[in-house]
């Protein structure tokens, strides 16, 4: 296990970063088509006044 786990961390980090980009793109598409969440639960940028 101590030989396998260090070699798995790099691909897991790459996959997580790719998934994060996909999530952001999906949320942006939902917001564009007005499918996203309603006003009290807006996106993070709206909550922080960006």
N, C-alpha and C. Protein backbone atom coordinates (compact mmCIF):
# COMPACT_ATOMS: atom_id res chain seq x y z
N UNK A 1 0.82 -1.20 0.00
CA UNK A 1 0.00 0.00 0.00
C UNK A 1 0.86 1.26 0.00
N UNK A 2 1.99 1.23 0.71
CA UNK A 2 2.81 2.43 0.77
C UNK A 2 3.54 2.70 -0.55
N UNK A 3 3.60 1.71 -1.43
CA UNK A 3 4.21 1.93 -2.75
C UNK A 3 3.16 2.34 -3.78
N UNK A 4 1.95 1.93 -3.58
CA UNK A 4 0.90 2.20 -4.56
C UNK A 4 0.29 3.58 -4.36
N UNK A 5 0.04 3.95 -3.12
CA UNK A 5 -0.65 5.21 -2.83
C UNK A 5 0.09 6.45 -3.33
N UNK A 6 1.41 6.58 -3.13
CA UNK A 6 2.08 7.78 -3.66
C UNK A 6 2.01 7.90 -5.18
N UNK A 7 1.96 6.78 -5.88
CA UNK A 7 1.87 6.83 -7.33
C UNK A 7 0.46 7.11 -7.82
N UNK A 8 -0.53 7.00 -6.96
CA UNK A 8 -1.91 7.28 -7.34
C UNK A 8 -2.30 8.73 -7.12
N UNK A 9 -1.55 9.45 -6.32
CA UNK A 9 -1.93 10.82 -5.97
C UNK A 9 -1.89 11.74 -7.18
N UNK A 10 -0.88 11.63 -8.01
CA UNK A 10 -0.75 12.51 -9.17
C UNK A 10 -1.92 12.37 -10.16
N UNK A 11 -2.28 11.16 -10.59
CA UNK A 11 -3.44 11.06 -11.49
C UNK A 11 -4.75 11.50 -10.85
N UNK A 12 -4.89 11.28 -9.55
CA UNK A 12 -6.11 11.71 -8.87
C UNK A 12 -6.20 13.23 -8.85
N UNK A 13 -5.09 13.91 -8.63
CA UNK A 13 -5.09 15.38 -8.63
C UNK A 13 -5.40 15.93 -10.02
N UNK A 14 -4.87 15.31 -11.05
CA UNK A 14 -5.16 15.74 -12.42
C UNK A 14 -6.63 15.54 -12.74
N UNK A 15 -7.18 14.39 -12.37
CA UNK A 15 -8.59 14.13 -12.62
C UNK A 15 -9.48 15.09 -11.85
N UNK A 16 -9.12 15.41 -10.62
CA UNK A 16 -9.91 16.34 -9.82
C UNK A 16 -9.90 17.74 -10.44
N UNK A 17 -8.76 18.18 -10.96
CA UNK A 17 -8.71 19.51 -11.57
C UNK A 17 -9.50 19.55 -12.88
N UNK A 18 -9.49 18.46 -13.63
CA UNK A 18 -10.30 18.41 -14.84
C UNK A 18 -11.79 18.40 -14.51
N UNK A 19 -12.16 17.68 -13.47
CA UNK A 19 -13.56 17.65 -13.05
C UNK A 19 -14.02 19.02 -12.56
N UNK A 20 -13.15 19.74 -11.88
CA UNK A 20 -13.51 21.07 -11.39
C UNK A 20 -13.81 22.01 -12.55
N UNK A 21 -13.00 21.94 -13.60
CA UNK A 21 -13.27 22.75 -14.79
C UNK A 21 -14.59 22.39 -15.45
N UNK A 22 -14.90 21.11 -15.49
CA UNK A 22 -16.17 20.68 -16.05
C UNK A 22 -17.36 21.14 -15.23
N UNK A 23 -17.20 21.13 -13.92
CA UNK A 23 -18.28 21.59 -13.05
C UNK A 23 -18.53 23.08 -13.25
N UNK A 24 -17.46 23.86 -13.33
CA UNK A 24 -17.60 25.30 -13.54
C UNK A 24 -18.26 25.58 -14.89
N UNK A 25 -17.87 24.86 -15.92
CA UNK A 25 -18.47 25.03 -17.24
C UNK A 25 -19.94 24.65 -17.24
N UNK A 26 -20.29 23.58 -16.55
CA UNK A 26 -21.68 23.15 -16.47
C UNK A 26 -22.53 24.18 -15.73
N UNK A 27 -22.03 24.70 -14.62
CA UNK A 27 -22.77 25.72 -13.87
C UNK A 27 -22.94 27.00 -14.69
N UNK A 28 -21.92 27.36 -15.47
CA UNK A 28 -22.04 28.54 -16.32
C UNK A 28 -23.09 28.33 -17.41
N UNK A 29 -23.15 27.12 -17.96
CA UNK A 29 -24.16 26.83 -18.98
C UNK A 29 -25.56 26.86 -18.37
N UNK A 30 -25.71 26.31 -17.17
CA UNK A 30 -27.01 26.37 -16.50
C UNK A 30 -27.44 27.80 -16.24
N UNK A 31 -26.50 28.63 -15.82
CA UNK A 31 -26.81 30.02 -15.54
C UNK A 31 -27.20 30.74 -16.84
N UNK A 32 -26.53 30.40 -17.94
CA UNK A 32 -26.83 31.03 -19.23
C UNK A 32 -28.24 30.69 -19.68
N UNK A 33 -28.65 29.45 -19.50
CA UNK A 33 -29.98 29.02 -19.91
C UNK A 33 -31.02 29.21 -18.81
N UNK A 34 -30.64 29.88 -17.74
CA UNK A 34 -31.53 30.19 -16.60
C UNK A 34 -32.14 28.93 -15.98
N UNK A 35 -31.33 27.88 -15.89
CA UNK A 35 -31.76 26.64 -15.27
C UNK A 35 -31.25 26.56 -13.83
N UNK A 36 -30.32 27.41 -13.48
CA UNK A 36 -29.66 27.34 -12.19
C UNK A 36 -30.57 27.62 -11.01
N UNK A 37 -29.98 27.77 -9.86
CA UNK A 37 -30.74 27.97 -8.62
C UNK A 37 -31.34 29.36 -8.58
N UNK A 38 -32.32 29.52 -7.71
CA UNK A 38 -33.08 30.76 -7.64
C UNK A 38 -32.32 31.84 -6.87
N UNK A 39 -32.94 33.00 -6.74
CA UNK A 39 -32.29 34.19 -6.22
C UNK A 39 -31.67 34.06 -4.82
N UNK A 40 -32.35 33.51 -3.81
CA UNK A 40 -31.69 33.44 -2.49
C UNK A 40 -30.47 32.54 -2.48
N UNK A 41 -30.40 31.60 -3.40
CA UNK A 41 -29.28 30.66 -3.45
C UNK A 41 -28.50 30.85 -4.74
N UNK A 42 -28.08 32.05 -5.01
CA UNK A 42 -27.38 32.35 -6.26
C UNK A 42 -25.99 31.75 -6.26
N UNK A 43 -25.29 31.94 -7.36
CA UNK A 43 -23.93 31.43 -7.47
C UNK A 43 -22.98 32.14 -6.52
N UNK A 44 -21.80 31.64 -6.40
CA UNK A 44 -20.81 32.18 -5.46
C UNK A 44 -20.44 33.61 -5.83
N UNK A 45 -20.31 33.91 -7.11
CA UNK A 45 -19.96 35.26 -7.53
C UNK A 45 -21.01 36.28 -7.14
N UNK A 46 -22.26 35.88 -7.19
CA UNK A 46 -23.34 36.78 -6.77
C UNK A 46 -23.31 37.03 -5.28
N UNK A 47 -23.00 36.01 -4.50
CA UNK A 47 -22.97 36.16 -3.04
C UNK A 47 -21.86 37.09 -2.60
N UNK A 48 -20.75 37.11 -3.33
CA UNK A 48 -19.60 37.93 -2.94
C UNK A 48 -19.59 39.28 -3.64
N UNK A 49 -20.66 39.64 -4.32
CA UNK A 49 -20.81 40.91 -5.02
C UNK A 49 -19.76 41.11 -6.11
N UNK A 50 -19.46 40.06 -6.86
CA UNK A 50 -18.52 40.19 -7.98
C UNK A 50 -19.28 40.45 -9.25
